[in-house]
C-alpha atoms as a PDB file:
ATOM      1  CA  UNK A   1       0.000   0.000   0.000  1.00  0.00           C
ATOM      2  CA  UNK A   2       2.876   2.356   0.781  1.00  0.00           C
ATOM      3  CA  UNK A   3       4.391   1.836  -2.694  1.00  0.00           C
ATOM      4  CA  UNK A   4       1.104   2.870  -4.320  1.00  0.00           C
ATOM      5  CA  UNK A   5       0.996   6.083  -2.243  1.00  0.00           C
ATOM      6  CA  UNK A   6       4.613   6.899  -3.179  1.00  0.00           C
ATOM      7  CA  UNK A   7       3.869   6.302  -6.879  1.00  0.00           C
ATOM      8  CA  UNK A   8       0.840   8.604  -6.716  1.00  0.00           C
ATOM      9  CA  UNK A   9       2.940  11.275  -4.992  1.00  0.00           C
ATOM     10  CA  UNK A  10       5.658  11.040  -7.665  1.00  0.00           C
ATOM     11  CA  UNK A  11       3.063  11.204 -10.453  1.00  0.00           C
ATOM     12  CA  UNK A  12       1.484  14.217  -8.754  1.00  0.00           C
ATOM     13  CA  UNK A  13       4.860  16.028  -8.722  1.00  0.00           C
ATOM     14  CA  UNK A  14       5.564  15.129 -12.361  1.00  0.00           C
ATOM     15  CA  UNK A  15       2.127  16.439 -13.343  1.00  0.00           C
ATOM     16  CA  UNK A  16       2.683  19.723 -11.430  1.00  0.00           C
ATOM     17  CA  UNK A  17       6.130  20.230 -12.963  1.00  0.00           C
ATOM     18  CA  UNK A  18       4.760  19.425 -16.437  1.00  0.00           C
ATOM     19  CA  UNK A  19       1.971  21.983 -16.061  1.00  0.00           C
ATOM     20  CA  UNK A  20       4.481  24.601 -14.827  1.00  0.00           C
ATOM     21  CA  UNK A  21       6.723  23.951 -17.846  1.00  0.00           C
ATOM     22  CA  UNK A  22       3.780  24.287 -20.232  1.00  0.00           C
ATOM     23  CA  UNK A  23       2.662  27.561 -18.602  1.00  0.00           C
ATOM     24  CA  UNK A  24       6.228  28.908 -18.755  1.00  0.00           C
ATOM     25  CA  UNK A  25       6.491  27.895 -22.425  1.00  0.00           C
ATOM     26  CA  UNK A  26       3.192  29.592 -23.337  1.00  0.00           C
ATOM     27  CA  UNK A  27       4.149  32.787 -21.483  1.00  0.00           C
ATOM     28  CA  UNK A  28       7.667  32.878 -22.965  1.00  0.00           C
ATOM     29  CA  UNK A  29       6.701  32.254 -26.581  1.00  0.00           C
ATOM     30  CA  UNK A  30       3.287  33.881 -26.854  1.00  0.00           C
ATOM     31  CA  UNK A  31       2.951  36.585 -24.174  1.00  0.00           C
ATOM     32  CA  UNK A  32       6.264  37.898 -22.805  1.00  0.00           C
ATOM     33  CA  UNK A  33       9.943  37.438 -23.523  1.00  0.00           C
ATOM     34  CA  UNK A  34      13.144  38.805 -22.017  1.00  0.00           C
ATOM     35  CA  UNK A  35      15.552  40.841 -24.125  1.00  0.00           C
ATOM     36  CA  UNK A  36      18.877  42.579 -23.596  1.00  0.00           C
ATOM     37  CA  UNK A  37      19.761  46.075 -24.794  1.00  0.00           C
ATOM     38  CA  UNK A  38      22.909  46.103 -26.928  1.00  0.00           C
ATOM     39  CA  UNK A  39      24.616  49.390 -27.650  1.00  0.00           C
ATOM     40  CA  UNK A  40      23.990  52.998 -26.754  1.00  0.00           C
ATOM     41  CA  UNK A  41      21.302  53.995 -29.257  1.00  0.00           C
ATOM     42  CA  UNK A  42      18.613  54.321 -26.564  1.00  0.00           C
ATOM     43  CA  UNK A  43      20.595  56.408 -24.070  1.00  0.00           C
ATOM     44  CA  UNK A  44      19.543  57.900 -21.704  1.00  0.00           C
ATOM     45  CA  UNK A  45      16.362  55.757 -21.551  1.00  0.00           C
ATOM     46  CA  UNK A  46      18.161  52.397 -21.702  1.00  0.00           C
ATOM     47  CA  UNK A  47      21.828  51.592 -21.279  1.00  0.00           C
ATOM     48  CA  UNK A  48      23.941  48.866 -22.832  1.00  0.00           C
ATOM     49  CA  UNK A  49      23.253  45.502 -21.129  1.00  0.00           C
ATOM     50  CA  UNK A  50      19.944  46.544 -19.537  1.00  0.00           C
ATOM     51  CA  UNK A  51      17.592  43.555 -19.372  1.00  0.00           C
ATOM     52  CA  UNK A  52      13.952  44.161 -20.257  1.00  0.00           C
ATOM     53  CA  UNK A  53      10.673  42.268 -20.545  1.00  0.00           C
ATOM     54  CA  UNK A  54       8.871  42.587 -23.868  1.00  0.00           C
ATOM     55  CA  UNK A  55       5.112  42.125 -24.252  1.00  0.00           C
ATOM     56  CA  UNK A  56       4.223  40.277 -27.435  1.00  0.00           C
ATOM     57  CA  UNK A  57       0.532  41.184 -27.201  1.00  0.00           C
ATOM     58  CA  UNK A  58       0.644  44.980 -26.865  1.00  0.00           C
ATOM     59  CA  UNK A  59      -0.985  47.282 -29.381  1.00  0.00           C
ATOM     60  CA  UNK A  60       1.875  49.442 -30.694  1.00  0.00           C
ATOM     61  CA  UNK A  61       1.347  53.206 -30.399  1.00  0.00           C
ATOM     62  CA  UNK A  62       3.365  56.403 -30.789  1.00  0.00           C
ATOM     63  CA  UNK A  63       6.358  56.652 -28.400  1.00  0.00           C
ATOM     64  CA  UNK A  64       6.228  52.964 -27.456  1.00  0.00           C
ATOM     65  CA  UNK A  65       9.642  51.369 -27.229  1.00  0.00           C
ATOM     66  CA  UNK A  66       9.777  48.197 -29.277  1.00  0.00           C
ATOM     67  CA  UNK A  67      12.159  45.337 -29.912  1.00  0.00           C
ATOM     68  CA  UNK A  68      12.289  44.068 -33.494  1.00  0.00           C
ATOM     69  CA  UNK A  69      14.340  41.930 -35.825  1.00  0.00           C
ATOM     70  CA  UNK A  70      16.973  44.205 -37.331  1.00  0.00           C
ATOM     71  CA  UNK A  71      16.456  44.735 -41.074  1.00  0.00           C
ATOM     72  CA  UNK A  72      20.204  45.002 -41.696  1.00  0.00           C
ATOM     73  CA  UNK A  73      21.754  42.517 -39.250  1.00  0.00           C
ATOM     74  CA  UNK A  74      21.178  39.211 -37.504  1.00  0.00           C
ATOM     75  CA  UNK A  75      20.214  40.953 -34.271  1.00  0.00           C
ATOM     76  CA  UNK A  76      17.373  42.608 -32.389  1.00  0.00           C
ATOM     77  CA  UNK A  77      17.119  46.387 -32.160  1.00  0.00           C
ATOM     78  CA  UNK A  78      15.313  48.433 -29.536  1.00  0.00           C
ATOM     79  CA  UNK A  79      13.904  51.805 -30.675  1.00  0.00           C
ATOM     80  CA  UNK A  80      11.086  54.274 -30.054  1.00  0.00           C
ATOM     81  CA  UNK A  81       8.080  54.297 -32.402  1.00  0.00           C
ATOM     82  CA  UNK A  82       7.844  57.730 -33.990  1.00  0.00           C
ATOM     83  CA  UNK A  83       5.514  57.043 -36.896  1.00  0.00           C
ATOM     84  CA  UNK A  84       2.583  54.687 -37.481  1.00  0.00           C
ATOM     85  CA  UNK A  85       0.922  53.926 -40.836  1.00  0.00           C
ATOM     86  CA  UNK A  86      -0.431  57.093 -42.464  1.00  0.00           C
ATOM     87  CA  UNK A  87       1.756  59.477 -40.426  1.00  0.00           C
ATOM     88  CA  UNK A  88       3.842  62.277 -41.896  1.00  0.00           C
ATOM     89  CA  UNK A  89       7.123  62.950 -40.077  1.00  0.00           C
ATOM     90  CA  UNK A  90       9.452  65.924 -40.085  1.00  0.00           C
ATOM     91  CA  UNK A  91      12.182  67.300 -37.851  1.00  0.00           C
ATOM     92  CA  UNK A  92      12.859  71.012 -38.213  1.00  0.00           C
ATOM     93  CA  UNK A  93      15.118  73.022 -35.883  1.00  0.00           C
ATOM     94  CA  UNK A  94      15.314  69.977 -33.593  1.00  0.00           C
ATOM     95  CA  UNK A  95      11.514  69.851 -33.190  1.00  0.00           C
ATOM     96  CA  UNK A  96       9.724  66.619 -34.135  1.00  0.00           C
ATOM     97  CA  UNK A  97       6.447  66.979 -36.018  1.00  0.00           C
ATOM     98  CA  UNK A  98       4.113  64.030 -36.578  1.00  0.00           C
ATOM     99  CA  UNK A  99       1.148  64.864 -38.809  1.00  0.00           C
ATOM    100  CA  UNK A 100       2.090  68.535 -38.465  1.00  0.00           C
ATOM    101  CA  UNK A 101       1.841  68.498 -34.647  1.00  0.00           C
ATOM    102  CA  UNK A 102       4.782  69.181 -32.345  1.00  0.00           C
ATOM    103  CA  UNK A 103       5.697  66.071 -30.338  1.00  0.00           C
ATOM    104  CA  UNK A 104       6.852  66.017 -26.729  1.00  0.00           C
ATOM    105  CA  UNK A 105      10.405  64.677 -26.630  1.00  0.00           C
ATOM    106  CA  UNK A 106      11.035  65.186 -22.923  1.00  0.00           C
ATOM    107  CA  UNK A 107      12.821  61.816 -22.894  1.00  0.00           C
ATOM    108  CA  UNK A 108      15.687  63.420 -24.864  1.00  0.00           C
ATOM    109  CA  UNK A 109      18.476  65.444 -23.252  1.00  0.00           C
ATOM    110  CA  UNK A 110      18.127  69.159 -24.031  1.00  0.00           C
ATOM    111  CA  UNK A 111      21.405  69.207 -25.958  1.00  0.00           C
ATOM    112  CA  UNK A 112      20.445  66.275 -28.231  1.00  0.00           C
ATOM    113  CA  UNK A 113      20.519  67.275 -31.890  1.00  0.00           C
ATOM    114  CA  UNK A 114      18.394  65.207 -34.266  1.00  0.00           C
ATOM    115  CA  UNK A 115      19.063  66.952 -37.562  1.00  0.00           C
ATOM    116  CA  UNK A 116      16.416  68.251 -39.939  1.00  0.00           C
ATOM    117  CA  UNK A 117      14.620  65.866 -42.284  1.00  0.00           C
ATOM    118  CA  UNK A 118      11.320  65.110 -43.935  1.00  0.00           C
ATOM    119  CA  UNK A 119      10.048  61.553 -44.277  1.00  0.00           C
ATOM    120  CA  UNK A 120       9.958  61.793 -48.080  1.00  0.00           C
ATOM    121  CA  UNK A 121      13.628  62.864 -48.210  1.00  0.00           C
ATOM    122  CA  UNK A 122      14.695  59.776 -46.262  1.00  0.00           C
ATOM    123  CA  UNK A 123      12.352  57.107 -47.569  1.00  0.00           C
ATOM    124  CA  UNK A 124      10.775  58.380 -50.765  1.00  0.00           C
ATOM    125  CA  UNK A 125       7.381  58.053 -49.071  1.00  0.00           C
ATOM    126  CA  UNK A 126       5.135  60.955 -48.038  1.00  0.00           C
ATOM    127  CA  UNK A 127       3.584  58.925 -45.210  1.00  0.00           C
ATOM    128  CA  UNK A 128       4.433  55.762 -43.288  1.00  0.00           C
ATOM    129  CA  UNK A 129       3.044  52.867 -45.391  1.00  0.00           C
ATOM    130  CA  UNK A 130       0.499  50.341 -44.117  1.00  0.00           C
ATOM    131  CA  UNK A 131       2.088  47.569 -42.085  1.00  0.00           C
ATOM    132  CA  UNK A 132       5.201  49.642 -41.350  1.00  0.00           C
ATOM    133  CA  UNK A 133       6.657  51.734 -38.512  1.00  0.00           C
ATOM    134  CA  UNK A 134       9.156  54.581 -38.438  1.00  0.00           C
ATOM    135  CA  UNK A 135      11.461  54.199 -35.419  1.00  0.00           C
ATOM    136  CA  UNK A 136      14.316  56.197 -33.916  1.00  0.00           C
ATOM    137  CA  UNK A 137      16.697  55.671 -31.039  1.00  0.00           C
ATOM    138  CA  UNK A 138      16.663  58.151 -28.160  1.00  0.00           C
ATOM    139  CA  UNK A 139      20.391  58.769 -28.668  1.00  0.00           C
ATOM    140  CA  UNK A 140      19.666  60.472 -31.986  1.00  0.00           C
ATOM    141  CA  UNK A 141      23.303  61.254 -32.813  1.00  0.00           C
ATOM    142  CA  UNK A 142      24.358  57.615 -32.322  1.00  0.00           C
ATOM    143  CA  UNK A 143      21.444  55.486 -33.495  1.00  0.00           C
ATOM    144  CA  UNK A 144      21.056  53.253 -36.511  1.00  0.00           C
ATOM    145  CA  UNK A 145      17.319  53.580 -37.081  1.00  0.00           C
ATOM    146  CA  UNK A 146      14.658  54.287 -39.715  1.00  0.00           C
ATOM    147  CA  UNK A 147      16.586  57.351 -40.834  1.00  0.00           C
ATOM    148  CA  UNK A 148      19.212  54.897 -42.109  1.00  0.00           C
ATOM    149  CA  UNK A 149      17.505  51.557 -42.827  1.00  0.00           C
ATOM    150  CA  UNK A 150      13.977  52.771 -43.560  1.00  0.00           C
ATOM    151  CA  UNK A 151      10.691  51.485 -42.247  1.00  0.00           C
ATOM    152  CA  UNK A 152      10.295  48.475 -39.977  1.00  0.00           C
ATOM    153  CA  UNK A 153       7.668  45.924 -40.914  1.00  0.00           C
ATOM    154  CA  UNK A 154       5.139  45.336 -38.125  1.00  0.00           C
ATOM    155  CA  UNK A 155       5.693  41.619 -38.747  1.00  0.00           C
ATOM    156  CA  UNK A 156       9.302  42.010 -37.557  1.00  0.00           C
ATOM    157  CA  UNK A 157       8.264  43.573 -34.238  1.00  0.00           C
ATOM    158  CA  UNK A 158       8.757  41.174 -31.345  1.00  0.00           C
ATOM    159  CA  UNK A 159       6.905  43.424 -28.923  1.00  0.00           C
ATOM    160  CA  UNK A 160       6.797  46.463 -26.670  1.00  0.00           C
ATOM    161  CA  UNK A 161       9.187  46.944 -23.778  1.00  0.00           C
ATOM    162  CA  UNK A 162       7.143  46.876 -20.569  1.00  0.00           C
ATOM    163  CA  UNK A 163       9.683  46.492 -17.775  1.00  0.00           C
ATOM    164  CA  UNK A 164      13.375  46.794 -16.960  1.00  0.00           C
ATOM    165  CA  UNK A 165      14.431  44.096 -14.528  1.00  0.00           C
ATOM    166  CA  UNK A 166      18.232  44.325 -14.551  1.00  0.00           C
ATOM    167  CA  UNK A 167      20.272  45.957 -13.238  1.00  0.00           C
ATOM    168  CA  UNK A 168      18.076  45.822 -10.149  1.00  0.00           C
ATOM    169  CA  UNK A 169      18.884  49.457  -9.309  1.00  0.00           C
ATOM    170  CA  UNK A 170      17.142  50.457 -12.580  1.00  0.00           C
ATOM    171  CA  UNK A 171      14.079  48.230 -12.069  1.00  0.00           C
ATOM    172  CA  UNK A 172      10.950  49.962 -13.391  1.00  0.00           C
ATOM    173  CA  UNK A 173       7.728  49.212 -15.199  1.00  0.00           C
ATOM    174  CA  UNK A 174       6.963  51.217 -18.330  1.00  0.00           C
ATOM    175  CA  UNK A 175       9.237  53.444 -20.384  1.00  0.00           C
END
């Protein structure tokens, strides 16, 4: 009788561990995933080697910070969404305009220079095409972004950064 009880206990533990593994798998591959910041293109918002959690189910909006498959390298990039489909984008005298409206860029240091441009000059498009995003790093003078490689396909977006979990001193939720 004791052997039967031990067998049931072992099977119970195996079942619990199996369910935990399945839940972890579903969360990791369908809901959230960790990512690491590489480089300095998002300074001062994120530093090299910061570890973040990315939501794979978020609706992407202006100013969201996203992780995506790099269009020009075998890597992931992290950048801020500046333009959504249908948007016009221009920077003039270091002021960002989206659809003709001045955008708050309080996340940038005051001495950060972006450089003037119009979307059409960079991409040949008047507006951001359907299914695409225009992204820029917060470290505008040292960021390989849509100003260089063009639009990012929404299909290449892994998700939106929701939390920084390492280093622990920088732990925060949101951008």
